[in-house]
Amino acid sequence: MGTKNIEFAGRLARSCIEHDSDIRELIGATATNWRPERLARMDGLILRLALAEMLYLDDAPARVTIHEAIELSKVYGGDKSHAFVNGVLDTIARQRGIKI
């Protein structure tokens, strides 16, 4: 892993930690049909990473962040995880006026 990737991973991790309660609240407010305890752990982690990147870092366009999150959810999530992750991230981006 290159130095730039390590630096990015550190900034992303710090952003997830620093904004954890805001991100969790945002997910809860957007995924209204899902109680937090029903949300699959991996889906929640993917959403938190993507939202930290999309809302607090300027490294990639939102559409790239969303695409990467969907791909992660296809590999590591359940059968319908990718649709759920896409729906939550797309809704938040539109609500926040983030260009996709």
Protein backbone atom coordinates (compact mmCIF):
# COMPACT_ATOMS: atom_id res chain seq x y z
CA MET A 1 0.00 0.00 0.00
CA GLY A 2 1.45 3.36 -0.98
CA THR A 3 2.02 6.30 1.31
CA LYS A 4 -0.94 8.20 -0.18
CA ASN A 5 -3.26 5.27 0.51
CA ILE A 6 -2.05 4.94 4.09
CA GLU A 7 -2.51 8.66 4.65
CA PHE A 8 -6.03 8.55 3.15
CA ALA A 9 -6.98 5.52 5.26
CA GLY A 10 -5.84 7.36 8.39
CA ARG A 11 -7.84 10.48 7.52
CA LEU A 12 -10.90 8.36 6.73
CA ALA A 13 -10.63 6.45 10.01
CA ARG A 14 -10.22 9.68 11.99
CA SER A 15 -13.20 11.19 10.20
CA CYS A 16 -15.33 8.13 11.04
CA ILE A 17 -14.37 8.39 14.71
CA GLU A 18 -14.73 12.17 14.98
CA HIS A 19 -18.15 12.24 13.31
CA ASP A 20 -19.45 8.86 14.47
CA SER A 21 -22.52 10.08 16.36
CA ASP A 22 -23.56 12.46 13.56
CA ILE A 23 -23.11 9.74 10.94
CA ARG A 24 -25.06 7.17 12.97
CA GLU A 25 -27.85 9.69 13.53
CA LEU A 26 -27.96 10.48 9.81
CA ILE A 27 -28.19 6.78 8.91
CA GLY A 28 -30.96 6.28 11.48
CA ALA A 29 -32.92 9.25 10.16
CA THR A 30 -32.57 8.07 6.56
CA ALA A 31 -33.09 4.32 6.98
CA THR A 32 -36.45 4.89 8.68
CA ASN A 33 -37.70 1.34 8.16
CA TRP A 34 -34.65 -0.13 9.90
CA ARG A 35 -33.98 0.07 13.60
CA PRO A 36 -30.24 0.37 14.27
CA GLU A 37 -30.13 -3.09 15.87
CA ARG A 38 -31.66 -4.60 12.69
CA LEU A 39 -29.08 -3.03 10.40
CA ALA A 40 -26.50 -5.61 9.32
CA ARG A 41 -23.14 -4.79 10.88
CA MET A 42 -21.29 -4.82 7.57
CA ASP A 43 -23.89 -2.58 5.92
CA GLY A 44 -23.54 -0.11 8.78
CA LEU A 45 -19.76 -0.09 8.54
CA ILE A 46 -19.85 0.45 4.78
CA LEU A 47 -22.36 3.27 5.18
CA ARG A 48 -20.28 4.93 7.89
CA LEU A 49 -17.12 4.80 5.79
CA ALA A 50 -18.88 6.11 2.70
CA LEU A 51 -20.61 8.92 4.58
CA ALA A 52 -17.39 9.99 6.29
CA GLU A 53 -15.71 10.16 2.90
CA MET A 54 -18.63 11.83 1.16
CA LEU A 55 -19.38 14.42 3.86
CA TYR A 56 -16.01 15.19 5.44
CA LEU A 57 -13.27 14.42 2.89
CA ASP A 58 -12.78 15.90 -0.57
CA ASP A 59 -10.76 13.09 -2.12
CA ALA A 60 -13.35 11.68 -4.52
CA PRO A 61 -16.61 12.74 -6.13
CA ALA A 62 -19.71 11.47 -4.31
CA ARG A 63 -20.64 9.21 -7.23
CA VAL A 64 -17.29 7.41 -6.90
CA THR A 65 -17.71 7.01 -3.16
CA ILE A 66 -21.24 5.64 -3.61
CA HIS A 67 -20.11 3.26 -6.37
CA GLU A 68 -17.28 1.92 -4.18
CA ALA A 69 -19.68 1.44 -1.25
CA ILE A 70 -22.10 -0.47 -3.47
CA GLU A 71 -19.30 -2.71 -4.72
CA LEU A 72 -18.15 -3.40 -1.14
CA SER A 73 -21.70 -4.28 -0.14
CA LYS A 74 -22.02 -6.69 -3.08
CA VAL A 75 -18.92 -8.55 -1.92
CA TYR A 76 -19.30 -8.35 1.87
CA GLY A 77 -23.00 -7.72 2.47
CA GLY A 78 -26.15 -9.74 2.07
CA ASP A 79 -28.15 -10.33 -1.09
CA LYS A 80 -29.93 -6.98 -0.93
CA SER A 81 -27.24 -4.95 0.82
CA HIS A 82 -26.16 -3.15 -2.33
CA ALA A 83 -29.66 -1.79 -2.95
CA PHE A 84 -29.98 -0.68 0.68
CA VAL A 85 -26.57 1.01 0.73
CA ASN A 86 -27.27 2.71 -2.60
CA GLY A 87 -30.66 3.96 -1.40
CA VAL A 88 -29.36 5.40 1.86
CA LEU A 89 -26.32 7.10 0.29
CA ASP A 90 -28.27 8.46 -2.67
CA THR A 91 -30.97 9.87 -0.38
CA ILE A 92 -28.44 11.57 1.89
CA ALA A 93 -26.54 13.01 -1.05
CA ARG A 94 -29.73 14.47 -2.52
CA GLN A 95 -30.89 15.83 0.84
CA ARG A 96 -27.52 17.53 1.33
CA GLY A 97 -27.39 18.90 -2.23
CA ILE A 98 -24.30 16.84 -3.05
CA LYS A 99 -23.77 16.42 -6.78
CA ILE A 100 -23.74 12.79 -7.87
